[in-house]
């Protein structure tokens, strides 16, 4: 600590003569009356993963909410830029993350800045939903938006498995624990239909109400536009959902109006932030830290992708032991995973919560194992459209006996021990094994209920009424005590600062994600999209300790 302070003091003395130049560059980060231009072409995430120091791969075209919040903070206090031009070419984001983006855009507008949403390639419901935070909307000429509306898609494999000679063997605790239904049914159960219907109602109402307010339209007008399904650029303007149609190279000119003699001046968001971040001097005394740990993806014991317990426990132990860390924010965007891995992460979070404030921030999905690891948090924050709950346990496998018989394959097993071949895929469980396995699932379910009851300060009976594997939207979870506040990561950080006391106002926010080693682009770079979720799921199902029992949120994919 002493050496660090001395080094900072030396750096401060060396940089002091350059302070006026640095301050001038900060002041001139954006042209006066100009625009900051932010491009988005891909995924929206809470916290951007750190890149290798010498990565040769292309930079991500997605957007982290962490960076967007920093940009809004900088622009809100900078009198020079007139506003933000957000160009969205494609968007991959959960409803909760889209809500978070809209909240930040609205915050920038509340600071007196304009926000222009530019959709040069058209889009679908996701892209249109960002108009809820914009003051103007520009769409590309000869483009269209659609399909419009919210939907739930479930793929059911029972008939296909029967034809292949494969027999699903699914065990679940909770009437709403529907993760195994695609293997055992030809369509959704009544319980699954009920919770899916509620989710769609919340998503649809948020979309319609937000667009009606932002575009100054009646709800009925917005609903008629969504029911049209596919709208061309000119039709969007006629219906009041957009303001103008333009080519890509006309967007900046349109920001200044039709009578402008020249296009508006703009600076890229990356360059603007780099200049605004630059400090004139170095702080001599280190500041306290709000540590952010991201639980992103399927929960596994170890692995290169997803929420690896091996990696997360190390980060949580650092948050516990480091003297500058005054509070922990757990950014959760996970559908769940293995029981053992979830238990390890839960234990590490609980240890931090004994010494320091812990706030959980739910992203698009924080269900099943994602809720399990968050239960010890002092406060849980979720968006209205976050998917959470799914307090239950499911186990699934596929029995290949019928297929093997059809192929003329005979399996002969020699064993010592009545159930030594319990998990071999050639036969289903017998009655004794079914009882053994049911008891194991019940034990895991009781443990899940008890840790939620302890973390949320509820009785186990009250938790059981909310459990049963039922998935809740954030707005419903808050009404039932599973969530404390509405909001996203920024709200969680605000809560963490408040719980740190007076020093919270001086605290800096730091992600504890380790930087990847110096390397060429590898398989990790190929697994940043939906493929990563599939990889994590495969590892959870096939891993040696996790292949049978899992905490996994059920339900369809929400588009």
Protein backbone atom coordinates (compact mmCIF):
# COMPACT_ATOMS: atom_id res chain seq x y z
CA UNK A 1 0.00 0.00 0.00
CA UNK A 2 2.81 2.44 0.92
CA UNK A 3 4.72 1.67 -2.29
CA UNK A 4 1.54 2.18 -4.31
CA UNK A 5 0.95 5.61 -2.74
CA UNK A 6 4.57 6.64 -3.39
CA UNK A 7 4.35 5.52 -7.02
CA UNK A 8 1.12 7.45 -7.47
CA UNK A 9 2.68 10.56 -5.95
CA UNK A 10 5.62 10.37 -8.36
CA UNK A 11 3.28 9.92 -11.32
CA UNK A 12 1.21 12.89 -10.13
CA UNK A 13 4.25 15.17 -10.06
CA UNK A 14 5.32 14.06 -13.57
CA UNK A 15 1.88 14.54 -15.11
CA UNK A 16 1.07 17.87 -13.45
CA UNK A 17 2.74 20.04 -16.19
CA UNK A 18 0.57 18.31 -18.84
CA UNK A 19 -2.69 18.87 -16.96
CA UNK A 20 -3.80 21.97 -18.96
CA UNK A 21 -3.41 20.09 -22.27
CA UNK A 22 -5.34 17.09 -20.97
CA UNK A 23 -8.14 19.32 -19.66
CA UNK A 24 -8.34 21.07 -23.03
CA UNK A 25 -8.65 17.73 -24.85
CA UNK A 26 -11.41 16.70 -22.43
CA UNK A 27 -13.25 19.95 -23.09
CA UNK A 28 -12.94 19.53 -26.87
CA UNK A 29 -13.99 15.86 -26.85
CA UNK A 30 -17.10 16.69 -28.91
CA UNK A 31 -17.74 19.52 -31.38
CA UNK A 32 -19.87 22.32 -29.99
CA UNK A 33 -23.45 21.73 -31.02
CA UNK A 34 -22.42 18.45 -32.64
CA UNK A 35 -23.31 14.84 -32.02
CA UNK A 36 -21.82 11.75 -30.46
CA UNK A 37 -22.32 8.74 -32.73
CA UNK A 38 -22.75 5.27 -31.24
CA UNK A 39 -23.07 2.22 -33.46
CA UNK A 40 -24.70 -1.07 -32.45
CA UNK A 41 -24.58 -4.19 -34.57
CA UNK A 42 -25.00 -7.27 -32.39
CA UNK A 43 -25.47 -8.29 -28.79
CA UNK A 44 -26.22 -6.15 -25.75
CA UNK A 45 -24.57 -7.39 -22.55
CA UNK A 46 -24.30 -6.06 -19.00
CA UNK A 47 -20.50 -6.04 -18.76
CA UNK A 48 -18.23 -6.43 -21.75
CA UNK A 49 -15.73 -9.28 -21.35
CA UNK A 50 -12.12 -8.05 -21.35
CA UNK A 51 -10.20 -8.67 -24.55
CA UNK A 52 -6.76 -10.31 -24.68
CA UNK A 53 -3.96 -7.78 -24.55
CA UNK A 54 -2.77 -8.60 -28.07
CA UNK A 55 -5.96 -9.86 -29.65
CA UNK A 56 -5.88 -9.72 -33.45
CA UNK A 57 -9.61 -10.29 -33.82
CA UNK A 58 -12.03 -7.54 -34.83
CA UNK A 59 -13.51 -5.49 -31.98
CA UNK A 60 -17.02 -6.36 -30.87
CA UNK A 61 -19.80 -4.48 -32.61
CA UNK A 62 -22.15 -5.11 -29.72
CA UNK A 63 -22.78 -2.87 -26.77
CA UNK A 64 -22.24 -3.24 -23.06
CA UNK A 65 -24.67 -1.46 -20.75
CA UNK A 66 -21.66 -0.58 -18.62
CA UNK A 67 -20.20 1.45 -21.53
CA UNK A 68 -23.55 3.02 -22.39
CA UNK A 69 -23.99 4.23 -18.80
CA UNK A 70 -20.52 5.74 -18.84
CA UNK A 71 -21.29 7.50 -22.12
CA UNK A 72 -24.56 8.91 -20.76
CA UNK A 73 -22.82 10.10 -17.58
CA UNK A 74 -20.16 11.89 -19.62
CA UNK A 75 -22.57 13.52 -22.07
CA UNK A 76 -25.01 14.60 -19.35
CA UNK A 77 -22.46 16.97 -17.80
CA UNK A 78 -20.80 18.07 -21.06
CA UNK A 79 -22.40 21.23 -22.52
CA UNK A 80 -20.80 20.84 -25.96
CA UNK A 81 -22.62 17.88 -27.63
CA UNK A 82 -26.19 18.44 -28.74
CA UNK A 83 -27.15 14.81 -28.51
CA UNK A 84 -26.57 11.16 -29.34
CA UNK A 85 -27.03 9.48 -32.72
CA UNK A 86 -27.58 5.76 -32.10
CA UNK A 87 -27.26 3.71 -35.29
CA UNK A 88 -28.63 0.18 -34.84
CA UNK A 89 -27.96 -2.21 -37.73
CA UNK A 90 -28.92 -5.34 -35.82
CA UNK A 91 -29.87 -6.09 -32.25
CA UNK A 92 -29.61 -9.23 -30.15
CA UNK A 93 -30.85 -8.49 -26.66
CA UNK A 94 -33.28 -9.76 -24.08
CA UNK A 95 -36.34 -7.70 -23.23
CA UNK A 96 -34.70 -6.71 -19.93
CA UNK A 97 -31.56 -5.47 -21.67
CA UNK A 98 -33.62 -3.50 -24.18
CA UNK A 99 -35.43 -1.92 -21.22
CA UNK A 100 -32.08 -0.99 -19.70
CA UNK A 101 -30.94 0.64 -22.95
CA UNK A 102 -34.19 2.63 -23.12
CA UNK A 103 -33.70 3.76 -19.51
CA UNK A 104 -30.23 5.13 -20.30
CA UNK A 105 -31.47 6.92 -23.44
CA UNK A 106 -34.30 8.45 -21.40
CA UNK A 107 -31.80 9.55 -18.76
CA UNK A 108 -29.78 11.33 -21.43
CA UNK A 109 -32.91 13.08 -22.72
CA UNK A 110 -33.75 14.15 -19.16
CA UNK A 111 -30.31 15.82 -19.06
CA UNK A 112 -31.38 18.03 -21.98
CA UNK A 113 -29.79 16.08 -24.85
CA UNK A 114 -31.47 14.83 -27.99
CA UNK A 115 -31.45 11.11 -28.81
CA UNK A 116 -31.90 10.07 -32.44
CA UNK A 117 -32.42 6.41 -33.26
CA UNK A 118 -31.24 5.51 -36.77
CA UNK A 119 -32.33 2.15 -38.22
CA UNK A 120 -30.53 2.00 -41.59
CA UNK A 121 -31.37 -1.69 -42.13
CA UNK A 122 -34.86 -1.73 -40.67
CA UNK A 123 -35.22 -4.47 -38.10
CA UNK A 124 -37.89 -6.12 -36.01
CA UNK A 125 -39.57 -5.65 -32.64
CA UNK A 126 -36.29 -5.38 -30.76
CA UNK A 127 -34.98 -2.52 -32.84
CA UNK A 128 -38.34 -0.73 -32.78
CA UNK A 129 -38.56 -1.06 -28.98
CA UNK A 130 -35.55 1.27 -28.61
CA UNK A 131 -37.74 4.07 -29.97
CA UNK A 132 -39.21 4.23 -26.46
CA UNK A 133 -36.10 6.20 -25.43
CA UNK A 134 -35.58 8.33 -28.55
CA UNK A 135 -36.69 11.84 -29.40
CA UNK A 136 -36.51 11.13 -33.14
CA UNK A 137 -36.46 7.96 -35.26
CA UNK A 138 -34.90 7.68 -38.72
CA UNK A 139 -35.35 4.55 -40.87
CA UNK A 140 -33.46 3.46 -43.95
CA UNK A 141 -35.03 3.91 -47.36
CA UNK A 142 -36.48 0.70 -48.86
CA UNK A 143 -36.32 -1.04 -45.49
CA UNK A 144 -39.04 -2.56 -43.34
CA UNK A 145 -39.65 -3.56 -39.75
CA UNK A 146 -41.04 -6.96 -38.93
CA UNK A 147 -42.20 -9.34 -37.79
CA UNK A 148 -43.69 -7.12 -35.11
CA UNK A 149 -45.01 -8.29 -31.75
CA UNK A 150 -43.77 -10.63 -29.04
CA UNK A 151 -43.72 -14.39 -29.32
CA UNK A 152 -42.77 -17.56 -27.47
CA UNK A 153 -41.36 -20.51 -29.38
CA UNK A 154 -41.22 -24.04 -28.00
CA UNK A 155 -39.83 -27.03 -29.92
CA UNK A 156 -41.18 -30.40 -28.77
CA UNK A 157 -39.32 -33.59 -29.71
CA UNK A 158 -41.43 -36.43 -28.30
CA UNK A 159 -42.69 -37.76 -31.66
CA UNK A 160 -39.24 -37.44 -33.22
CA UNK A 161 -37.67 -39.38 -30.34
CA UNK A 162 -40.33 -42.08 -30.62
CA UNK A 163 -39.61 -42.47 -34.31
CA UNK A 164 -35.89 -42.69 -33.59
CA UNK A 165 -36.39 -45.31 -30.90
CA UNK A 166 -35.18 -43.07 -28.08
CA UNK A 167 -37.08 -42.84 -24.80
CA UNK A 168 -36.84 -39.63 -22.74
CA UNK A 169 -36.44 -40.10 -19.00
CA UNK A 170 -37.23 -36.79 -17.27
CA UNK A 171 -37.62 -36.17 -13.55
CA UNK A 172 -38.69 -32.79 -12.18
CA UNK A 173 -39.78 -31.37 -8.84
CA UNK A 174 -42.42 -28.69 -9.36
CA UNK A 175 -45.45 -28.58 -11.60
CA UNK A 176 -44.01 -25.59 -13.49
CA UNK A 177 -40.50 -27.01 -13.92
CA UNK A 178 -40.87 -27.42 -17.66
CA UNK A 179 -37.30 -27.72 -18.93
CA UNK A 180 -37.87 -31.42 -19.72
CA UNK A 181 -41.22 -30.97 -21.48
CA UNK A 182 -39.69 -30.65 -24.98
CA UNK A 183 -38.49 -34.24 -24.61
CA UNK A 184 -41.64 -35.77 -23.13
CA UNK A 185 -44.56 -33.92 -24.72
CA UNK A 186 -45.89 -32.95 -28.13
CA UNK A 187 -46.90 -29.50 -26.85
CA UNK A 188 -46.84 -27.35 -23.72
CA UNK A 189 -48.59 -28.38 -20.52
CA UNK A 190 -51.36 -26.23 -19.03
CA UNK A 191 -48.92 -24.96 -16.40
CA UNK A 192 -46.43 -23.96 -19.07
CA UNK A 193 -49.14 -22.26 -21.12
CA UNK A 194 -50.21 -20.23 -18.08
CA UNK A 195 -46.76 -18.86 -17.28
CA UNK A 196 -45.95 -18.27 -20.95
CA UNK A 197 -49.18 -16.30 -21.35
CA UNK A 198 -48.29 -14.08 -18.41
CA UNK A 199 -44.81 -13.43 -19.76
CA UNK A 200 -46.18 -12.41 -23.15
CA UNK A 201 -48.74 -10.11 -21.50
CA UNK A 202 -46.00 -8.25 -19.60
CA UNK A 203 -43.72 -7.95 -22.63
CA UNK A 204 -46.55 -6.78 -24.89
CA UNK A 205 -47.88 -4.24 -22.39
CA UNK A 206 -44.40 -2.76 -21.82
CA UNK A 207 -43.80 -2.44 -25.54
CA UNK A 208 -47.18 -0.85 -26.35
CA UNK A 209 -47.21 1.51 -23.38
CA UNK A 210 -43.62 2.62 -24.00
CA UNK A 211 -44.10 3.28 -27.71
CA UNK A 212 -47.39 5.09 -27.12
CA UNK A 213 -45.78 7.42 -24.58
CA UNK A 214 -42.61 8.07 -26.59
CA UNK A 215 -44.33 8.61 -29.92
CA UNK A 216 -47.38 10.44 -28.45
CA UNK A 217 -49.81 7.89 -29.87
CA UNK A 218 -52.85 6.14 -28.51
CA UNK A 219 -52.37 2.56 -27.37
CA UNK A 220 -54.86 1.40 -29.98
CA UNK A 221 -52.76 3.00 -32.74
CA UNK A 222 -49.65 1.19 -31.58
CA UNK A 223 -51.48 -2.11 -31.29
CA UNK A 224 -52.84 -1.74 -34.83
CA UNK A 225 -49.31 -1.08 -36.09
CA UNK A 226 -47.96 -4.18 -34.33
CA UNK A 227 -50.85 -6.26 -35.67
CA UNK A 228 -49.87 -5.24 -39.21
CA UNK A 229 -46.88 -7.53 -38.74
CA UNK A 230 -44.62 -5.95 -41.37
CA UNK A 231 -44.33 -2.22 -42.03
CA UNK A 232 -42.32 -0.46 -44.70
CA UNK A 233 -40.31 2.66 -43.95
CA UNK A 234 -42.89 5.08 -45.38
CA UNK A 235 -45.70 3.28 -43.54
CA UNK A 236 -43.78 3.65 -40.26
CA UNK A 237 -43.65 7.40 -40.80
CA UNK A 238 -47.34 7.54 -41.75
CA UNK A 239 -48.30 5.67 -38.59
CA UNK A 240 -46.18 7.94 -36.39
CA UNK A 241 -43.64 5.32 -35.35
CA UNK A 242 -40.81 7.06 -37.22
CA UNK A 243 -40.04 10.65 -38.20
CA UNK A 244 -38.22 10.39 -41.51
CA UNK A 245 -36.81 8.06 -44.16
CA UNK A 246 -33.21 8.49 -45.30
CA UNK A 247 -30.22 6.83 -46.90
CA UNK A 248 -27.23 6.02 -44.70
CA UNK A 249 -25.27 9.05 -45.90
CA UNK A 250 -28.20 11.41 -45.25
CA UNK A 251 -28.60 10.73 -41.51
CA UNK A 252 -26.20 13.45 -40.33
CA UNK A 253 -27.71 15.98 -42.74
CA UNK A 254 -31.20 15.29 -41.43
CA UNK A 255 -30.07 15.99 -37.87
CA UNK A 256 -29.59 19.64 -38.85
CA UNK A 257 -32.90 19.93 -40.71
CA UNK A 258 -33.76 20.37 -44.36
CA UNK A 259 -32.35 23.91 -44.58
CA UNK A 260 -28.91 23.01 -43.27
CA UNK A 261 -26.04 23.86 -45.61
CA UNK A 262 -23.80 21.08 -44.28
CA UNK A 263 -24.16 17.80 -42.39
CA UNK A 264 -23.99 17.85 -38.61
CA UNK A 265 -20.60 17.38 -37.04
CA UNK A 266 -20.16 14.14 -35.09
CA UNK A 267 -17.55 12.25 -33.12
CA UNK A 268 -17.50 8.51 -32.50
CA UNK A 269 -18.53 7.36 -29.04
CA UNK A 270 -15.25 5.48 -28.56
CA UNK A 271 -13.09 8.51 -29.27
CA UNK A 272 -15.35 10.76 -27.21
CA UNK A 273 -15.18 8.49 -24.17
CA UNK A 274 -11.41 8.05 -24.49
CA UNK A 275 -10.95 11.82 -24.28
CA UNK A 276 -13.46 12.29 -21.47
CA UNK A 277 -11.90 9.47 -19.45
CA UNK A 278 -8.45 11.03 -19.53
CA UNK A 279 -7.45 12.47 -16.18
CA UNK A 280 -5.26 15.52 -15.74
CA UNK A 281 -3.47 13.96 -12.77
CA UNK A 282 -3.24 10.66 -10.90
CA UNK A 283 -5.03 10.09 -7.61
CA UNK A 284 -2.49 9.70 -4.83
CA UNK A 285 -4.82 7.96 -2.38
CA UNK A 286 -6.66 4.91 -3.78
CA UNK A 287 -10.45 5.00 -3.71
CA UNK A 288 -12.82 2.33 -2.35
CA UNK A 289 -14.27 -0.09 -4.89
CA UNK A 290 -17.71 -1.45 -5.78
CA UNK A 291 -16.76 -4.80 -7.29
CA UNK A 292 -18.89 -6.24 -10.11
CA UNK A 293 -18.86 -9.99 -10.71
CA UNK A 294 -20.78 -11.24 -13.75
CA UNK A 295 -22.62 -14.59 -13.61
CA UNK A 296 -23.23 -14.86 -17.34
CA UNK A 297 -24.37 -18.04 -19.08
CA UNK A 298 -24.92 -21.60 -17.95
CA UNK A 299 -23.55 -22.43 -14.51
CA UNK A 300 -20.89 -25.15 -14.68
CA UNK A 301 -18.13 -26.36 -12.37
CA UNK A 302 -15.40 -25.37 -14.82
CA UNK A 303 -15.01 -24.48 -18.45
CA UNK A 304 -13.88 -21.77 -20.89
CA UNK A 305 -17.34 -20.26 -21.34
CA UNK A 306 -20.38 -19.50 -19.24
CA UNK A 307 -20.56 -19.07 -15.47
CA UNK A 308 -17.77 -21.35 -14.29
CA UNK A 309 -17.83 -21.95 -10.53
CA UNK A 310 -14.08 -22.43 -10.57
CA UNK A 311 -13.58 -18.93 -11.96
CA UNK A 312 -16.41 -17.19 -10.08
CA UNK A 313 -15.45 -18.52 -6.67
CA UNK A 314 -11.96 -17.08 -7.18
CA UNK A 315 -13.40 -13.67 -8.07
CA UNK A 316 -15.75 -13.75 -5.08
CA UNK A 317 -12.91 -14.68 -2.73
CA UNK A 318 -10.96 -11.70 -4.07
CA UNK A 319 -13.95 -9.44 -3.36
CA UNK A 320 -14.11 -10.81 0.17
CA UNK A 321 -10.42 -10.43 0.98
CA UNK A 322 -9.48 -7.21 -0.79
CA UNK A 323 -9.53 -4.30 1.68
CA UNK A 324 -10.57 -1.70 -0.95
CA UNK A 325 -13.69 -3.61 -1.99
CA UNK A 326 -16.52 -2.12 0.04
CA UNK A 327 -19.46 -3.81 -1.69
CA UNK A 328 -20.20 -6.48 -4.27
CA UNK A 329 -22.65 -6.32 -7.18
CA UNK A 330 -23.55 -9.67 -8.68
CA UNK A 331 -24.66 -9.16 -12.32
CA UNK A 332 -26.69 -12.28 -13.11
CA UNK A 333 -27.80 -13.29 -16.59
CA UNK A 334 -28.10 -17.07 -16.37
CA UNK A 335 -30.81 -19.69 -16.91
CA UNK A 336 -29.18 -21.96 -14.33
CA UNK A 337 -26.99 -25.02 -14.47
CA UNK A 338 -25.53 -27.72 -12.28
CA UNK A 339 -26.55 -28.16 -8.67
CA UNK A 340 -23.02 -28.61 -7.35
CA UNK A 341 -21.67 -25.62 -9.27
CA UNK A 342 -24.61 -23.47 -8.11
CA UNK A 343 -24.00 -24.53 -4.51
CA UNK A 344 -20.32 -23.58 -4.71
CA UNK A 345 -21.09 -20.12 -6.07
CA UNK A 346 -23.91 -19.65 -3.55
CA UNK A 347 -21.53 -20.48 -0.71
CA UNK A 348 -18.95 -17.95 -1.96
CA UNK A 349 -21.62 -15.22 -2.31
CA UNK A 350 -22.92 -15.97 1.20
CA UNK A 351 -19.40 -15.62 2.64
CA UNK A 352 -19.04 -12.18 1.05
CA UNK A 353 -22.51 -11.19 2.31
CA UNK A 354 -21.42 -11.92 5.90
CA UNK A 355 -18.78 -9.15 5.68
CA UNK A 356 -19.85 -6.73 2.96
CA UNK A 357 -23.02 -5.51 1.22
CA UNK A 358 -24.02 -7.74 -1.71
CA UNK A 359 -26.51 -6.56 -4.33
CA UNK A 360 -27.76 -8.84 -7.11
CA UNK A 361 -28.77 -7.30 -10.45
CA UNK A 362 -30.85 -9.53 -12.73
CA UNK A 363 -30.47 -9.18 -16.49
CA UNK A 364 -32.52 -10.95 -19.13
CA UNK A 365 -32.73 -14.25 -17.22
CA UNK A 366 -31.83 -15.03 -13.62
CA UNK A 367 -33.76 -18.23 -13.04
CA UNK A 368 -33.28 -21.58 -11.34
CA UNK A 369 -29.55 -21.83 -10.57
CA UNK A 370 -29.28 -18.14 -11.45
CA UNK A 371 -31.66 -17.35 -8.59
CA UNK A 372 -30.01 -19.95 -6.34
CA UNK A 373 -26.64 -18.15 -6.40
CA UNK A 374 -28.32 -14.76 -5.83
CA UNK A 375 -30.35 -15.76 -2.77
CA UNK A 376 -27.78 -14.55 -0.16
CA UNK A 377 -27.78 -10.99 -1.57
CA UNK A 378 -28.99 -8.24 0.75
CA UNK A 379 -30.97 -6.66 -2.12
CA UNK A 380 -32.11 -8.09 -5.45
CA UNK A 381 -32.77 -5.72 -8.35
CA UNK A 382 -34.55 -6.80 -11.55
CA UNK A 383 -36.11 -5.23 -14.60
CA UNK A 384 -39.87 -5.55 -15.06
CA UNK A 385 -39.16 -7.86 -17.99
CA UNK A 386 -36.43 -9.96 -16.35
CA UNK A 387 -37.24 -13.68 -16.21
CA UNK A 388 -36.58 -15.15 -12.79
CA UNK A 389 -37.76 -17.70 -10.24
CA UNK A 390 -37.99 -21.28 -11.55
CA UNK A 391 -37.27 -22.57 -8.03
CA UNK A 392 -37.18 -26.27 -8.76
CA UNK A 393 -35.00 -29.17 -9.90
CA UNK A 394 -35.03 -31.13 -13.13
CA UNK A 395 -33.03 -34.12 -14.39
CA UNK A 396 -33.23 -35.57 -17.86
CA UNK A 397 -31.61 -38.26 -19.97
CA UNK A 398 -32.47 -40.22 -23.08
CA UNK A 399 -32.79 -44.03 -22.89
CA UNK A 400 -31.55 -45.68 -26.08
CA UNK A 401 -32.94 -49.17 -25.39
CA UNK A 402 -35.66 -49.14 -28.09
CA UNK A 403 -33.20 -47.86 -30.69
CA UNK A 404 -30.59 -50.46 -29.77
CA UNK A 405 -33.19 -53.21 -30.00
CA UNK A 406 -34.30 -51.97 -33.42
CA UNK A 407 -30.67 -52.05 -34.58
CA UNK A 408 -30.15 -55.54 -33.20
CA UNK A 409 -27.72 -54.40 -30.52
CA UNK A 410 -27.72 -56.44 -27.31
CA UNK A 411 -26.24 -54.94 -24.15
CA UNK A 412 -24.98 -57.28 -21.45
CA UNK A 413 -23.80 -55.83 -18.14
CA UNK A 414 -21.88 -57.60 -15.39
CA UNK A 415 -22.05 -55.71 -12.11
CA UNK A 416 -21.36 -55.89 -8.43
CA UNK A 417 -23.76 -53.64 -6.61
CA UNK A 418 -27.50 -53.61 -7.18
CA UNK A 419 -27.48 -50.28 -9.01
CA UNK A 420 -23.98 -50.09 -10.49
CA UNK A 421 -25.49 -49.55 -13.95
CA UNK A 422 -27.94 -46.90 -12.75
CA UNK A 423 -27.06 -44.27 -15.37
CA UNK A 424 -26.25 -46.43 -18.36
CA UNK A 425 -28.46 -45.34 -21.29
CA UNK A 426 -29.65 -48.77 -22.45
CA UNK A 427 -32.47 -49.17 -19.91
CA UNK A 428 -34.91 -47.09 -17.82
CA UNK A 429 -34.92 -47.02 -14.03
CA UNK A 430 -36.63 -49.83 -12.15
CA UNK A 431 -38.99 -49.03 -9.27
CA UNK A 432 -36.24 -48.99 -6.62
CA UNK A 433 -34.04 -46.75 -8.73
CA UNK A 434 -36.95 -44.45 -9.45
CA UNK A 435 -37.48 -44.06 -5.70
CA UNK A 436 -33.76 -43.41 -5.12
CA UNK A 437 -33.64 -40.78 -7.81
CA UNK A 438 -36.84 -39.10 -6.69
CA UNK A 439 -35.43 -38.86 -3.17
CA UNK A 440 -32.27 -37.21 -4.52
CA UNK A 441 -34.29 -34.64 -6.45
CA UNK A 442 -36.49 -33.95 -3.43
CA UNK A 443 -33.42 -33.41 -1.27
CA UNK A 444 -31.99 -30.91 -3.78
CA UNK A 445 -35.38 -29.16 -4.05
CA UNK A 446 -35.71 -28.87 -0.25
CA UNK A 447 -32.22 -27.37 -0.14
CA UNK A 448 -33.17 -24.85 -2.84
CA UNK A 449 -36.32 -23.84 -0.94
CA UNK A 450 -34.41 -23.47 2.33
CA UNK A 451 -31.67 -21.26 0.90
CA UNK A 452 -34.29 -19.00 -0.74
CA UNK A 453 -36.25 -18.83 2.52
CA UNK A 454 -33.10 -17.91 4.44
CA UNK A 455 -31.90 -15.34 1.90
CA UNK A 456 -35.29 -13.69 1.40
CA UNK A 457 -36.26 -13.93 5.09
CA UNK A 458 -39.40 -15.92 4.29
CA UNK A 459 -40.87 -19.10 5.70
CA UNK A 460 -40.31 -22.30 3.74
CA UNK A 461 -44.08 -22.61 3.30
CA UNK A 462 -44.18 -19.15 1.72
CA UNK A 463 -41.34 -20.06 -0.65
CA UNK A 464 -43.01 -23.33 -1.65
CA UNK A 465 -46.06 -21.37 -2.74
CA UNK A 466 -43.81 -19.35 -5.08
CA UNK A 467 -41.67 -22.29 -6.13
CA UNK A 468 -42.71 -25.43 -7.96
CA UNK A 469 -40.45 -24.42 -10.83
CA UNK A 470 -42.66 -21.45 -11.75
CA UNK A 471 -41.02 -18.73 -13.82
CA UNK A 472 -41.89 -15.17 -12.86
CA UNK A 473 -41.46 -11.88 -14.67
CA UNK A 474 -39.55 -9.29 -12.69
CA UNK A 475 -42.65 -7.19 -12.01
CA UNK A 476 -44.47 -10.22 -10.56
CA UNK A 477 -41.43 -11.42 -8.60
CA UNK A 478 -41.16 -8.03 -6.89
CA UNK A 479 -44.80 -8.17 -5.80
CA UNK A 480 -44.15 -11.59 -4.24
CA UNK A 481 -40.96 -10.75 -2.38
CA UNK A 482 -38.50 -12.56 -4.65
CA UNK A 483 -37.14 -9.20 -5.86
CA UNK A 484 -36.69 -5.95 -3.91
CA UNK A 485 -36.33 -3.17 -6.48
CA UNK A 486 -37.02 -2.50 -10.13
CA UNK A 487 -34.00 -1.55 -12.19
CA UNK A 488 -30.78 -2.82 -13.66
CA UNK A 489 -27.07 -2.82 -12.92
CA UNK A 490 -26.96 0.96 -12.42
CA UNK A 491 -29.65 0.69 -9.74
CA UNK A 492 -27.71 -2.10 -8.04
CA UNK A 493 -24.52 -0.01 -8.05
CA UNK A 494 -26.45 2.92 -6.57
CA UNK A 495 -27.75 0.63 -3.81
CA UNK A 496 -24.24 -0.70 -3.15
CA UNK A 497 -22.83 2.82 -2.79
CA UNK A 498 -25.60 3.73 -0.34
CA UNK A 499 -24.89 0.67 1.79
CA UNK A 500 -21.18 1.49 1.92
CA UNK A 501 -21.93 4.62 3.90
CA UNK A 502 -20.07 7.93 3.43
CA UNK A 503 -17.22 6.39 1.46
CA UNK A 504 -19.66 5.03 -1.11
CA UNK A 505 -19.85 8.41 -2.82
CA UNK A 506 -16.11 8.19 -3.61
CA UNK A 507 -16.16 4.55 -4.70
CA UNK A 508 -15.18 3.50 -8.20
CA UNK A 509 -16.81 0.57 -9.99
CA UNK A 510 -14.50 -2.22 -11.07
CA UNK A 511 -15.22 -5.51 -12.79
CA UNK A 512 -13.34 -8.44 -11.28
CA UNK A 513 -13.37 -10.44 -14.51
CA UNK A 514 -9.80 -11.57 -15.24
CA UNK A 515 -8.28 -10.42 -18.52
CA UNK A 516 -7.75 -13.31 -20.95
CA UNK A 517 -4.13 -14.23 -21.63
CA UNK A 518 -2.24 -12.83 -24.60
CA UNK A 519 -3.33 -15.00 -27.52
CA UNK A 520 -4.57 -15.11 -31.08
CA UNK A 521 -8.33 -15.35 -31.62
CA UNK A 522 -9.39 -18.76 -30.44
CA UNK A 523 -12.48 -20.84 -29.93
CA UNK A 524 -13.49 -18.41 -27.20
CA UNK A 525 -14.01 -15.71 -29.82
CA UNK A 526 -16.29 -18.01 -31.79
CA UNK A 527 -18.48 -18.66 -28.78
CA UNK A 528 -19.64 -15.15 -27.95
CA UNK A 529 -23.10 -15.49 -29.46
CA UNK A 530 -25.86 -18.04 -29.02
CA UNK A 531 -23.32 -20.80 -29.66
CA UNK A 532 -21.88 -20.11 -26.21
CA UNK A 533 -25.22 -20.92 -24.58
CA UNK A 534 -25.41 -24.19 -26.51
CA UNK A 535 -21.85 -25.06 -25.51
CA UNK A 536 -22.60 -24.33 -21.87
CA UNK A 537 -25.79 -26.39 -21.97
CA UNK A 538 -23.98 -29.32 -23.57
CA UNK A 539 -21.28 -29.17 -20.92
CA UNK A 540 -23.86 -29.04 -18.13
CA UNK A 541 -25.74 -32.05 -19.48
CA UNK A 542 -22.70 -34.14 -20.44
CA UNK A 543 -20.17 -33.22 -17.73
CA UNK A 544 -19.17 -36.11 -15.49
CA UNK A 545 -20.58 -34.63 -12.27
CA UNK A 546 -23.44 -32.61 -13.77
CA UNK A 547 -25.09 -34.88 -16.33
CA UNK A 548 -27.98 -36.03 -14.15
CA UNK A 549 -29.12 -33.31 -11.80
CA UNK A 550 -29.48 -29.70 -12.82
CA UNK A 551 -31.12 -26.47 -11.81
CA UNK A 552 -32.40 -25.25 -15.14
CA UNK A 553 -35.12 -22.78 -15.96
CA UNK A 554 -37.87 -24.17 -18.12
CA UNK A 555 -39.90 -22.49 -20.77
CA UNK A 556 -39.56 -21.55 -24.39
CA UNK A 557 -37.25 -19.13 -26.07
CA UNK A 558 -38.60 -15.57 -26.03
CA UNK A 559 -37.99 -13.53 -29.14
